[in-house]
C-alpha atoms as a PDB file:
ATOM      1  CA  UNK A   1     -28.436  79.255  23.449  1.00  0.00           C
ATOM      2  CA  UNK A   2     -25.862  76.493  23.229  1.00  0.00           C
ATOM      3  CA  UNK A   3     -25.480  73.674  20.799  1.00  0.00           C
ATOM      4  CA  UNK A   4     -22.956  71.026  19.891  1.00  0.00           C
ATOM      5  CA  UNK A   5     -22.265  70.476  16.192  1.00  0.00           C
ATOM      6  CA  UNK A   6     -24.088  67.377  14.984  1.00  0.00           C
ATOM      7  CA  UNK A   7     -21.961  64.282  14.499  1.00  0.00           C
ATOM      8  CA  UNK A   8     -18.900  65.622  16.319  1.00  0.00           C
ATOM      9  CA  UNK A   9     -17.882  65.746  19.943  1.00  0.00           C
ATOM     10  CA  UNK A  10     -16.595  69.226  19.191  1.00  0.00           C
ATOM     11  CA  UNK A  11     -16.960  72.076  18.638  1.00  0.00           C
ATOM     12  CA  UNK A  12     -19.496  73.233  21.157  1.00  0.00           C
ATOM     13  CA  UNK A  13     -21.163  76.545  20.203  1.00  0.00           C
ATOM     14  CA  UNK A  14     -22.659  78.993  22.700  1.00  0.00           C
ATOM     15  CA  UNK A  15     -24.653  81.819  21.085  1.00  0.00           C
ATOM     16  CA  UNK A  16     -25.645  85.068  22.764  1.00  0.00           C
ATOM     17  CA  UNK A  17     -26.961  88.398  21.597  1.00  0.00           C
ATOM     18  CA  UNK A  18     -24.772  91.376  22.505  1.00  0.00           C
ATOM     19  CA  UNK A  19     -26.740  93.804  24.683  1.00  0.00           C
ATOM     20  CA  UNK A  20     -26.642  97.594  24.684  1.00  0.00           C
ATOM     21  CA  UNK A  21     -25.454  97.609  28.304  1.00  0.00           C
ATOM     22  CA  UNK A  22     -22.356  95.621  27.277  1.00  0.00           C
ATOM     23  CA  UNK A  23     -21.148  98.326  24.915  1.00  0.00           C
ATOM     24  CA  UNK A  24     -18.875 101.296  25.540  1.00  0.00           C
ATOM     25  CA  UNK A  25     -18.930 104.892  24.227  1.00  0.00           C
ATOM     26  CA  UNK A  26     -17.540 103.646  20.888  1.00  0.00           C
ATOM     27  CA  UNK A  27     -20.777 101.612  20.562  1.00  0.00           C
ATOM     28  CA  UNK A  28     -18.926  98.294  20.478  1.00  0.00           C
ATOM     29  CA  UNK A  29     -18.760  95.607  23.161  1.00  0.00           C
ATOM     30  CA  UNK A  30     -16.620  96.776  26.069  1.00  0.00           C
ATOM     31  CA  UNK A  31     -13.270  94.965  26.107  1.00  0.00           C
ATOM     32  CA  UNK A  32     -13.660  93.501  29.602  1.00  0.00           C
ATOM     33  CA  UNK A  33     -16.930  91.816  28.606  1.00  0.00           C
ATOM     34  CA  UNK A  34     -15.086  89.375  26.327  1.00  0.00           C
ATOM     35  CA  UNK A  35     -13.822  87.439  29.328  1.00  0.00           C
ATOM     36  CA  UNK A  36     -17.459  87.135  30.449  1.00  0.00           C
ATOM     37  CA  UNK A  37     -18.433  85.924  26.970  1.00  0.00           C
ATOM     38  CA  UNK A  38     -15.701  83.258  27.078  1.00  0.00           C
ATOM     39  CA  UNK A  39     -16.543  82.191  30.637  1.00  0.00           C
ATOM     40  CA  UNK A  40     -20.280  81.993  29.852  1.00  0.00           C
ATOM     41  CA  UNK A  41     -19.511  79.708  26.901  1.00  0.00           C
ATOM     42  CA  UNK A  42     -17.178  77.502  28.949  1.00  0.00           C
ATOM     43  CA  UNK A  43     -19.730  77.236  31.751  1.00  0.00           C
ATOM     44  CA  UNK A  44     -22.397  76.181  29.219  1.00  0.00           C
ATOM     45  CA  UNK A  45     -19.918  73.639  27.792  1.00  0.00           C
ATOM     46  CA  UNK A  46     -19.153  72.331  31.296  1.00  0.00           C
ATOM     47  CA  UNK A  47     -22.857  71.880  32.063  1.00  0.00           C
ATOM     48  CA  UNK A  48     -23.591  70.262  28.686  1.00  0.00           C
ATOM     49  CA  UNK A  49     -20.643  67.892  28.691  1.00  0.00           C
ATOM     50  CA  UNK A  50     -20.402  67.006  32.394  1.00  0.00           C
ATOM     51  CA  UNK A  51     -24.025  67.290  33.450  1.00  0.00           C
ATOM     52  CA  UNK A  52     -23.299  69.659  36.350  1.00  0.00           C
ATOM     53  CA  UNK A  53     -23.000  73.429  36.479  1.00  0.00           C
ATOM     54  CA  UNK A  54     -19.990  75.290  37.848  1.00  0.00           C
ATOM     55  CA  UNK A  55     -22.158  76.162  40.848  1.00  0.00           C
ATOM     56  CA  UNK A  56     -23.063  72.523  41.543  1.00  0.00           C
ATOM     57  CA  UNK A  57     -19.465  71.395  41.102  1.00  0.00           C
ATOM     58  CA  UNK A  58     -18.077  74.135  43.328  1.00  0.00           C
ATOM     59  CA  UNK A  59     -20.768  74.226  46.032  1.00  0.00           C
ATOM     60  CA  UNK A  60     -22.538  70.870  46.114  1.00  0.00           C
ATOM     61  CA  UNK A  61     -19.580  68.610  45.303  1.00  0.00           C
ATOM     62  CA  UNK A  62     -16.928  70.326  47.460  1.00  0.00           C
ATOM     63  CA  UNK A  63     -14.613  70.768  44.516  1.00  0.00           C
ATOM     64  CA  UNK A  64     -13.618  73.743  42.451  1.00  0.00           C
ATOM     65  CA  UNK A  65     -12.405  74.725  39.030  1.00  0.00           C
ATOM     66  CA  UNK A  66     -10.694  78.116  39.342  1.00  0.00           C
ATOM     67  CA  UNK A  67      -9.200  79.615  36.214  1.00  0.00           C
ATOM     68  CA  UNK A  68      -5.453  80.065  36.559  1.00  0.00           C
ATOM     69  CA  UNK A  69      -4.563  81.488  33.133  1.00  0.00           C
ATOM     70  CA  UNK A  70      -6.416  83.571  30.555  1.00  0.00           C
ATOM     71  CA  UNK A  71      -5.294  84.855  27.140  1.00  0.00           C
ATOM     72  CA  UNK A  72      -7.604  86.770  24.805  1.00  0.00           C
ATOM     73  CA  UNK A  73      -6.797  88.144  21.347  1.00  0.00           C
ATOM     74  CA  UNK A  74      -9.203  90.589  19.748  1.00  0.00           C
ATOM     75  CA  UNK A  75      -9.793  90.357  15.997  1.00  0.00           C
ATOM     76  CA  UNK A  76     -12.869  92.495  15.246  1.00  0.00           C
ATOM     77  CA  UNK A  77     -15.495  94.386  17.260  1.00  0.00           C
ATOM     78  CA  UNK A  78     -19.043  93.283  18.033  1.00  0.00           C
ATOM     79  CA  UNK A  79     -22.045  95.534  18.545  1.00  0.00           C
ATOM     80  CA  UNK A  80     -25.541  95.175  19.999  1.00  0.00           C
ATOM     81  CA  UNK A  81     -26.642  94.288  16.455  1.00  0.00           C
ATOM     82  CA  UNK A  82     -24.660  91.053  16.658  1.00  0.00           C
ATOM     83  CA  UNK A  83     -25.177  87.523  17.871  1.00  0.00           C
ATOM     84  CA  UNK A  84     -21.821  86.241  19.051  1.00  0.00           C
ATOM     85  CA  UNK A  85     -21.216  82.511  18.722  1.00  0.00           C
ATOM     86  CA  UNK A  86     -18.387  81.243  20.901  1.00  0.00           C
ATOM     87  CA  UNK A  87     -16.927  77.870  20.000  1.00  0.00           C
ATOM     88  CA  UNK A  88     -15.395  75.898  22.866  1.00  0.00           C
ATOM     89  CA  UNK A  89     -12.794  73.174  22.409  1.00  0.00           C
ATOM     90  CA  UNK A  90     -10.229  71.502  24.632  1.00  0.00           C
ATOM     91  CA  UNK A  91      -6.593  71.965  23.629  1.00  0.00           C
ATOM     92  CA  UNK A  92      -5.127  69.945  26.492  1.00  0.00           C
ATOM     93  CA  UNK A  93      -6.360  67.692  29.244  1.00  0.00           C
ATOM     94  CA  UNK A  94      -3.757  67.567  32.018  1.00  0.00           C
ATOM     95  CA  UNK A  95      -3.714  65.602  35.242  1.00  0.00           C
ATOM     96  CA  UNK A  96      -5.620  68.273  37.155  1.00  0.00           C
ATOM     97  CA  UNK A  97      -6.181  70.995  34.553  1.00  0.00           C
ATOM     98  CA  UNK A  98      -8.042  71.686  31.331  1.00  0.00           C
ATOM     99  CA  UNK A  99      -6.881  74.117  28.645  1.00  0.00           C
ATOM    100  CA  UNK A 100      -9.855  75.487  26.742  1.00  0.00           C
ATOM    101  CA  UNK A 101      -9.681  77.210  23.362  1.00  0.00           C
ATOM    102  CA  UNK A 102     -12.479  79.639  22.516  1.00  0.00           C
ATOM    103  CA  UNK A 103     -13.225  81.340  19.204  1.00  0.00           C
ATOM    104  CA  UNK A 104     -15.943  83.986  19.075  1.00  0.00           C
ATOM    105  CA  UNK A 105     -17.560  84.652  15.701  1.00  0.00           C
ATOM    106  CA  UNK A 106     -20.264  86.778  14.188  1.00  0.00           C
ATOM    107  CA  UNK A 107     -21.169  84.819  11.082  1.00  0.00           C
ATOM    108  CA  UNK A 108     -17.870  83.963   9.384  1.00  0.00           C
ATOM    109  CA  UNK A 109     -16.002  86.877  10.998  1.00  0.00           C
ATOM    110  CA  UNK A 110     -13.757  86.048  13.975  1.00  0.00           C
ATOM    111  CA  UNK A 111     -14.233  88.531  16.810  1.00  0.00           C
ATOM    112  CA  UNK A 112     -11.934  87.065  19.466  1.00  0.00           C
ATOM    113  CA  UNK A 113      -9.845  84.014  20.290  1.00  0.00           C
ATOM    114  CA  UNK A 114      -8.617  82.807  23.634  1.00  0.00           C
ATOM    115  CA  UNK A 115      -6.995  80.132  25.758  1.00  0.00           C
ATOM    116  CA  UNK A 116      -8.188  79.621  29.308  1.00  0.00           C
ATOM    117  CA  UNK A 117      -6.835  77.111  31.808  1.00  0.00           C
ATOM    118  CA  UNK A 118      -8.797  75.857  34.791  1.00  0.00           C
ATOM    119  CA  UNK A 119      -7.513  73.630  37.577  1.00  0.00           C
ATOM    120  CA  UNK A 120      -9.508  71.045  39.478  1.00  0.00           C
ATOM    121  CA  UNK A 121      -9.174  71.556  43.224  1.00  0.00           C
ATOM    122  CA  UNK A 122     -10.494  70.295  46.527  1.00  0.00           C
ATOM    123  CA  UNK A 123     -12.090  73.361  48.086  1.00  0.00           C
ATOM    124  CA  UNK A 124     -13.292  71.809  51.347  1.00  0.00           C
ATOM    125  CA  UNK A 125     -10.281  72.876  53.435  1.00  0.00           C
ATOM    126  CA  UNK A 126      -8.873  76.277  54.258  1.00  0.00           C
ATOM    127  CA  UNK A 127      -6.555  76.130  51.262  1.00  0.00           C
ATOM    128  CA  UNK A 128      -7.418  74.839  47.796  1.00  0.00           C
ATOM    129  CA  UNK A 129      -5.408  71.795  46.757  1.00  0.00           C
ATOM    130  CA  UNK A 130      -5.076  70.426  43.211  1.00  0.00           C
ATOM    131  CA  UNK A 131      -6.858  67.138  42.598  1.00  0.00           C
ATOM    132  CA  UNK A 132      -6.909  64.857  39.576  1.00  0.00           C
ATOM    133  CA  UNK A 133      -9.742  65.470  37.156  1.00  0.00           C
ATOM    134  CA  UNK A 134     -12.481  63.127  38.416  1.00  0.00           C
ATOM    135  CA  UNK A 135     -12.443  59.957  36.254  1.00  0.00           C
ATOM    136  CA  UNK A 136     -16.108  60.341  35.264  1.00  0.00           C
ATOM    137  CA  UNK A 137     -15.376  63.901  34.049  1.00  0.00           C
ATOM    138  CA  UNK A 138     -12.140  62.946  32.290  1.00  0.00           C
ATOM    139  CA  UNK A 139     -13.914  60.237  30.277  1.00  0.00           C
ATOM    140  CA  UNK A 140     -16.499  62.761  29.071  1.00  0.00           C
ATOM    141  CA  UNK A 141     -13.952  65.507  28.336  1.00  0.00           C
ATOM    142  CA  UNK A 142     -11.572  63.268  26.356  1.00  0.00           C
ATOM    143  CA  UNK A 143     -14.036  63.192  23.458  1.00  0.00           C
ATOM    144  CA  UNK A 144     -13.594  66.962  23.066  1.00  0.00           C
ATOM    145  CA  UNK A 145      -9.782  67.152  23.038  1.00  0.00           C
ATOM    146  CA  UNK A 146      -8.483  68.540  19.759  1.00  0.00           C
ATOM    147  CA  UNK A 147      -6.338  66.116  17.769  1.00  0.00           C
ATOM    148  CA  UNK A 148      -2.584  66.702  17.723  1.00  0.00           C
END
């Protein structure tokens, strides 16, 4: 389930229940799953804000948006009892890249925070080449850039 906050371009919230299969022997979400949680939220944001899914953008439009940098900081564990809400914002909109900020929460408790950078590329040739963010996408994304 995803939802933008009413009356604001940001933040965008993507909620998901933690499943038993995502936990480790300590009965908390397995560390590697947090990148999936962040990517799922960003993909939902991308679809909501731009009107196309990652799949459509990458396959149907001949472009790509590979992630070139990922940072995650863990604050508190989540369990299969929890619904994790990941907030997605844009920290920076570059010429051909977007820096996303994600904050995962269970209620008021922060579970994880991260910064992820994706680049816009032409993927039609043998080698990916950076391209400017398409103007129609840039216009939509600018509303979600954090102030300052």
